[in-house]
Amino acid sequence: MHRIFLSLGSNLGEKVINLKMALKKINETIGQIKKVSSFYETEPWGFETDKWFINIVAEISTNLDAKSLLISLLEIEKEIGRKRNNNQQRYSSRLIDIDILFYDDLIIEKSNIQIPHKQLHKRIFVLNPLNEIAADFIHPILKLSISELLQKCDDKTQIKILKNVNS
């Protein structure tokens, strides 16, 4: 079984429901969910909108290889209603976004998949929930723990933990 960390986010529609639906589909079709962080309300990163995100990080175990995992996650995004437009700006509002942060301690750099996620160490909305469930996990390229990456992160976007969200 492979140890995977995923970042999930939503800033459109019923955000908490979108995230819970994604977790349910991941558990049913990809692998067992081991841990899920708290839900965090986060300021948009990389683009302007008044629609804040809700973000979580999940640890899962799966037998899928990285490419099959990516294909399955893209299918889950599509089932929840995400429409990808290649002409769109890089960052935009979305019903659901699921990113692979880590796949074991592998380093994969291909045109359609890059693991570890290239931007995770720059994003407080990823590092905060990841630190909650895997503070001691070592980034295979940067050779720092998640807690160390969080301490070094310069991201000043706002983030707050949501209370009363049953996961």
C-alpha atoms as a PDB file:
ATOM      1  CA  MET A   1       0.000   0.000   0.000  1.00  0.00           C
ATOM      2  CA  HIS A   2       1.187   3.492  -0.831  1.00  0.00           C
ATOM      3  CA  ARG A   3       0.991   6.429   1.568  1.00  0.00           C
ATOM      4  CA  ILE A   4      -0.558   9.425  -0.171  1.00  0.00           C
ATOM      5  CA  PHE A   5      -1.307  12.960   0.975  1.00  0.00           C
ATOM      6  CA  LEU A   6      -3.982  14.919  -0.893  1.00  0.00           C
ATOM      7  CA  SER A   7      -5.007  18.553  -0.695  1.00  0.00           C
ATOM      8  CA  LEU A   8      -8.695  19.233  -1.314  1.00  0.00           C
ATOM      9  CA  GLY A   9     -10.295  22.636  -1.734  1.00  0.00           C
ATOM     10  CA  SER A  10     -13.570  24.250  -2.777  1.00  0.00           C
ATOM     11  CA  ASN A  11     -14.806  27.821  -3.048  1.00  0.00           C
ATOM     12  CA  LEU A  12     -18.035  27.394  -5.018  1.00  0.00           C
ATOM     13  CA  GLY A  13     -21.398  25.889  -4.110  1.00  0.00           C
ATOM     14  CA  GLU A  14     -21.802  23.927  -0.894  1.00  0.00           C
ATOM     15  CA  LYS A  15     -18.087  23.852  -0.110  1.00  0.00           C
ATOM     16  CA  VAL A  16     -18.126  21.534   2.912  1.00  0.00           C
ATOM     17  CA  ILE A  17     -20.495  19.136   1.125  1.00  0.00           C
ATOM     18  CA  ASN A  18     -18.233  19.166  -1.960  1.00  0.00           C
ATOM     19  CA  LEU A  19     -15.250  18.195   0.185  1.00  0.00           C
ATOM     20  CA  LYS A  20     -17.141  15.484   2.068  1.00  0.00           C
ATOM     21  CA  MET A  21     -18.434  14.071  -1.227  1.00  0.00           C
ATOM     22  CA  ALA A  22     -14.879  13.968  -2.598  1.00  0.00           C
ATOM     23  CA  LEU A  23     -13.665  12.145   0.532  1.00  0.00           C
ATOM     24  CA  LYS A  24     -16.498   9.625   0.224  1.00  0.00           C
ATOM     25  CA  LYS A  25     -15.674   8.957  -3.435  1.00  0.00           C
ATOM     26  CA  ILE A  26     -11.953   8.649  -2.647  1.00  0.00           C
ATOM     27  CA  ASN A  27     -12.726   6.127   0.080  1.00  0.00           C
ATOM     28  CA  GLU A  28     -15.046   4.145  -2.219  1.00  0.00           C
ATOM     29  CA  THR A  29     -12.914   4.077  -5.358  1.00  0.00           C
ATOM     30  CA  ILE A  30      -9.257   4.845  -4.582  1.00  0.00           C
ATOM     31  CA  GLY A  31      -8.267   3.652  -1.146  1.00  0.00           C
ATOM     32  CA  GLN A  32      -8.702   3.894   2.569  1.00  0.00           C
ATOM     33  CA  ILE A  33      -8.733   7.313   4.196  1.00  0.00           C
ATOM     34  CA  LYS A  34      -6.347   7.205   7.158  1.00  0.00           C
ATOM     35  CA  LYS A  35      -6.547  10.794   8.441  1.00  0.00           C
ATOM     36  CA  VAL A  36      -8.329  14.010   7.562  1.00  0.00           C
ATOM     37  CA  SER A  37      -7.325  17.429   8.851  1.00  0.00           C
ATOM     38  CA  SER A  38      -9.696  19.988  10.245  1.00  0.00           C
ATOM     39  CA  PHE A  39     -11.563  22.134   7.745  1.00  0.00           C
ATOM     40  CA  TYR A  40      -9.927  25.521   7.160  1.00  0.00           C
ATOM     41  CA  GLU A  41     -11.436  28.653   5.670  1.00  0.00           C
ATOM     42  CA  THR A  42      -8.738  30.248   3.545  1.00  0.00           C
ATOM     43  CA  GLU A  43      -8.195  33.378   1.569  1.00  0.00           C
ATOM     44  CA  PRO A  44      -7.815  32.728  -2.186  1.00  0.00           C
ATOM     45  CA  TRP A  45      -4.199  32.220  -3.282  1.00  0.00           C
ATOM     46  CA  GLY A  46      -2.880  33.296  -6.675  1.00  0.00           C
ATOM     47  CA  PHE A  47      -5.956  35.138  -7.940  1.00  0.00           C
ATOM     48  CA  GLU A  48      -8.571  37.689  -6.893  1.00  0.00           C
ATOM     49  CA  THR A  49     -12.063  36.663  -5.795  1.00  0.00           C
ATOM     50  CA  ASP A  50     -14.321  37.356  -2.841  1.00  0.00           C
ATOM     51  CA  LYS A  51     -15.175  33.649  -2.578  1.00  0.00           C
ATOM     52  CA  TRP A  52     -12.925  32.151   0.087  1.00  0.00           C
ATOM     53  CA  PHE A  53     -11.962  28.479   0.024  1.00  0.00           C
ATOM     54  CA  ILE A  54     -12.453  25.669   2.428  1.00  0.00           C
ATOM     55  CA  ASN A  55      -9.391  23.404   2.422  1.00  0.00           C
ATOM     56  CA  ILE A  56      -8.460  20.093   3.995  1.00  0.00           C
ATOM     57  CA  VAL A  57      -5.642  17.572   3.691  1.00  0.00           C
ATOM     58  CA  ALA A  58      -6.231  13.827   3.726  1.00  0.00           C
ATOM     59  CA  GLU A  59      -3.861  10.910   4.123  1.00  0.00           C
ATOM     60  CA  ILE A  60      -4.917   7.820   2.208  1.00  0.00           C
ATOM     61  CA  SER A  61      -3.483   4.426   1.421  1.00  0.00           C
ATOM     62  CA  THR A  62      -3.941   2.912  -2.017  1.00  0.00           C
ATOM     63  CA  ASN A  63      -2.635   0.228  -4.317  1.00  0.00           C
ATOM     64  CA  LEU A  64      -2.939   2.539  -7.350  1.00  0.00           C
ATOM     65  CA  ASP A  65       0.190   3.750  -9.099  1.00  0.00           C
ATOM     66  CA  ALA A  66       0.641   7.525  -9.363  1.00  0.00           C
ATOM     67  CA  LYS A  67      -0.762   7.824 -12.902  1.00  0.00           C
ATOM     68  CA  SER A  68      -3.865   5.762 -12.078  1.00  0.00           C
ATOM     69  CA  LEU A  69      -4.336   7.790  -8.899  1.00  0.00           C
ATOM     70  CA  LEU A  70      -4.251  11.043 -10.864  1.00  0.00           C
ATOM     71  CA  ILE A  71      -6.757   9.724 -13.425  1.00  0.00           C
ATOM     72  CA  SER A  72      -9.095   8.597 -10.634  1.00  0.00           C
ATOM     73  CA  LEU A  73      -8.868  11.951  -8.838  1.00  0.00           C
ATOM     74  CA  LEU A  74      -9.616  13.852 -12.067  1.00  0.00           C
ATOM     75  CA  GLU A  75     -12.665  11.628 -12.554  1.00  0.00           C
ATOM     76  CA  ILE A  76     -13.879  12.397  -9.021  1.00  0.00           C
ATOM     77  CA  GLU A  77     -13.472  16.139  -9.687  1.00  0.00           C
ATOM     78  CA  LYS A  78     -15.520  15.728 -12.874  1.00  0.00           C
ATOM     79  CA  GLU A  79     -18.252  13.736 -11.071  1.00  0.00           C
ATOM     80  CA  ILE A  80     -18.579  16.494  -8.468  1.00  0.00           C
ATOM     81  CA  GLY A  81     -18.965  19.037 -11.258  1.00  0.00           C
ATOM     82  CA  ARG A  82     -15.573  20.547 -11.965  1.00  0.00           C
ATOM     83  CA  LYS A  83     -15.210  21.699 -15.528  1.00  0.00           C
ATOM     84  CA  ARG A  84     -11.677  22.185 -16.739  1.00  0.00           C
ATOM     85  CA  ASN A  85     -11.048  24.799 -19.397  1.00  0.00           C
ATOM     86  CA  ASN A  86      -7.553  24.836 -20.837  1.00  0.00           C
ATOM     87  CA  ASN A  87      -8.014  28.456 -21.934  1.00  0.00           C
ATOM     88  CA  GLN A  88      -8.753  29.497 -18.356  1.00  0.00           C
ATOM     89  CA  GLN A  89      -6.304  31.330 -16.133  1.00  0.00           C
ATOM     90  CA  ARG A  90      -4.145  29.040 -14.022  1.00  0.00           C
ATOM     91  CA  TYR A  91      -5.949  29.733 -10.720  1.00  0.00           C
ATOM     92  CA  SER A  92      -9.706  30.190 -10.544  1.00  0.00           C
ATOM     93  CA  SER A  93     -12.761  29.464  -8.460  1.00  0.00           C
ATOM     94  CA  ARG A  94     -13.860  25.828  -8.467  1.00  0.00           C
ATOM     95  CA  LEU A  95     -16.340  23.383  -6.989  1.00  0.00           C
ATOM     96  CA  ILE A  96     -13.534  20.987  -6.128  1.00  0.00           C
ATOM     97  CA  ASP A  97      -9.791  20.772  -6.536  1.00  0.00           C
ATOM     98  CA  ILE A  98      -7.806  17.706  -5.511  1.00  0.00           C
ATOM     99  CA  ASP A  99      -4.017  17.771  -5.658  1.00  0.00           C
ATOM    100  CA  ILE A 100      -1.548  15.006  -4.930  1.00  0.00           C
ATOM    101  CA  LEU A 101       0.941  16.426  -2.439  1.00  0.00           C
ATOM    102  CA  PHE A 102       3.047  13.330  -1.764  1.00  0.00           C
ATOM    103  CA  TYR A 103       3.094   9.753  -3.032  1.00  0.00           C
ATOM    104  CA  ASP A 104       5.224   7.846  -0.531  1.00  0.00           C
ATOM    105  CA  ASP A 105       8.587   9.615  -0.784  1.00  0.00           C
ATOM    106  CA  LEU A 106       8.719   9.397  -4.574  1.00  0.00           C
ATOM    107  CA  ILE A 107       9.838  12.204  -6.844  1.00  0.00           C
ATOM    108  CA  ILE A 108       7.954  12.171 -10.144  1.00  0.00           C
ATOM    109  CA  GLU A 109       8.472  14.873 -12.756  1.00  0.00           C
ATOM    110  CA  LYS A 110       6.499  14.359 -15.945  1.00  0.00           C
ATOM    111  CA  SER A 111       4.505  16.738 -18.094  1.00  0.00           C
ATOM    112  CA  ASN A 112       1.164  15.641 -16.620  1.00  0.00           C
ATOM    113  CA  ILE A 113       2.177  14.854 -13.026  1.00  0.00           C
ATOM    114  CA  GLN A 114       4.674  16.347 -10.591  1.00  0.00           C
ATOM    115  CA  ILE A 115       5.118  14.842  -7.143  1.00  0.00           C
ATOM    116  CA  PRO A 116       5.754  16.240  -4.617  1.00  0.00           C
ATOM    117  CA  HIS A 117       3.451  19.105  -5.539  1.00  0.00           C
ATOM    118  CA  LYS A 118       5.696  21.958  -6.718  1.00  0.00           C
ATOM    119  CA  GLN A 119       3.959  24.745  -4.758  1.00  0.00           C
ATOM    120  CA  LEU A 120       3.011  23.043  -1.486  1.00  0.00           C
ATOM    121  CA  HIS A 121       5.854  24.567   0.550  1.00  0.00           C
ATOM    122  CA  LYS A 122       4.697  28.077  -0.480  1.00  0.00           C
ATOM    123  CA  ARG A 123       1.050  27.657   0.532  1.00  0.00           C
ATOM    124  CA  ILE A 124      -0.165  28.128   4.085  1.00  0.00           C
ATOM    125  CA  PHE A 125      -3.550  26.622   3.132  1.00  0.00           C
ATOM    126  CA  VAL A 126      -1.749  23.350   2.366  1.00  0.00           C
ATOM    127  CA  LEU A 127       0.913  23.393   5.061  1.00  0.00           C
ATOM    128  CA  ASN A 128      -1.393  24.180   7.997  1.00  0.00           C
ATOM    129  CA  PRO A 129      -3.744  21.199   7.538  1.00  0.00           C
ATOM    130  CA  LEU A 130      -0.848  18.965   6.439  1.00  0.00           C
ATOM    131  CA  ASN A 131       1.071  19.877   9.576  1.00  0.00           C
ATOM    132  CA  GLU A 132      -1.976  18.921  11.644  1.00  0.00           C
ATOM    133  CA  ILE A 133      -1.879  15.299  10.392  1.00  0.00           C
ATOM    134  CA  ALA A 134       1.763  14.772   9.331  1.00  0.00           C
ATOM    135  CA  ALA A 135       4.058  17.304  11.025  1.00  0.00           C
ATOM    136  CA  ASP A 136       7.068  14.969  10.901  1.00  0.00           C
ATOM    137  CA  PHE A 137       6.716  13.866   7.259  1.00  0.00           C
ATOM    138  CA  ILE A 138       9.915  14.772   5.373  1.00  0.00           C
ATOM    139  CA  HIS A 139       9.666  16.469   1.978  1.00  0.00           C
ATOM    140  CA  PRO A 140      11.746  14.202  -0.293  1.00  0.00           C
ATOM    141  CA  ILE A 141      13.291  17.090  -2.259  1.00  0.00           C
ATOM    142  CA  LEU A 142      13.588  19.856   0.332  1.00  0.00           C
ATOM    143  CA  LYS A 143      14.614  17.416   3.109  1.00  0.00           C
ATOM    144  CA  LEU A 144      12.602  19.350   5.710  1.00  0.00           C
ATOM    145  CA  SER A 145       9.658  18.216   7.815  1.00  0.00           C
ATOM    146  CA  ILE A 146       6.224  19.694   7.238  1.00  0.00           C
ATOM    147  CA  SER A 147       6.470  21.570  10.552  1.00  0.00           C
ATOM    148  CA  GLU A 148       9.800  23.072   9.422  1.00  0.00           C
ATOM    149  CA  LEU A 149       8.302  24.056   6.052  1.00  0.00           C
ATOM    150  CA  LEU A 150       5.384  25.691   7.848  1.00  0.00           C
ATOM    151  CA  GLN A 151       7.765  27.730  10.032  1.00  0.00           C
ATOM    152  CA  LYS A 152       9.667  28.912   6.934  1.00  0.00           C
ATOM    153  CA  CYS A 153       6.579  29.676   4.829  1.00  0.00           C
ATOM    154  CA  ASP A 154       6.246  33.338   3.800  1.00  0.00           C
ATOM    155  CA  ASP A 155       2.587  33.056   2.718  1.00  0.00           C
ATOM    156  CA  LYS A 156       0.582  35.714   4.557  1.00  0.00           C
ATOM    157  CA  THR A 157      -2.880  34.816   3.260  1.00  0.00           C
ATOM    158  CA  GLN A 158      -5.486  34.473   5.972  1.00  0.00           C
ATOM    159  CA  ILE A 159      -6.512  31.068   7.288  1.00  0.00           C
ATOM    160  CA  LYS A 160      -8.755  29.995  10.130  1.00  0.00           C
ATOM    161  CA  ILE A 161      -9.916  26.638  11.404  1.00  0.00           C
ATOM    162  CA  LEU A 162     -13.646  26.027  11.098  1.00  0.00           C
ATOM    163  CA  LYS A 163     -15.495  24.890  14.188  1.00  0.00           C
ATOM    164  CA  ASN A 164     -18.587  22.693  14.193  1.00  0.00           C
ATOM    165  CA  VAL A 165     -17.842  20.943  10.900  1.00  0.00           C
ATOM    166  CA  ASN A 166     -18.377  17.238  11.413  1.00  0.00           C
ATOM    167  CA  SER A 167     -15.935  15.326   9.233  1.00  0.00           C
END
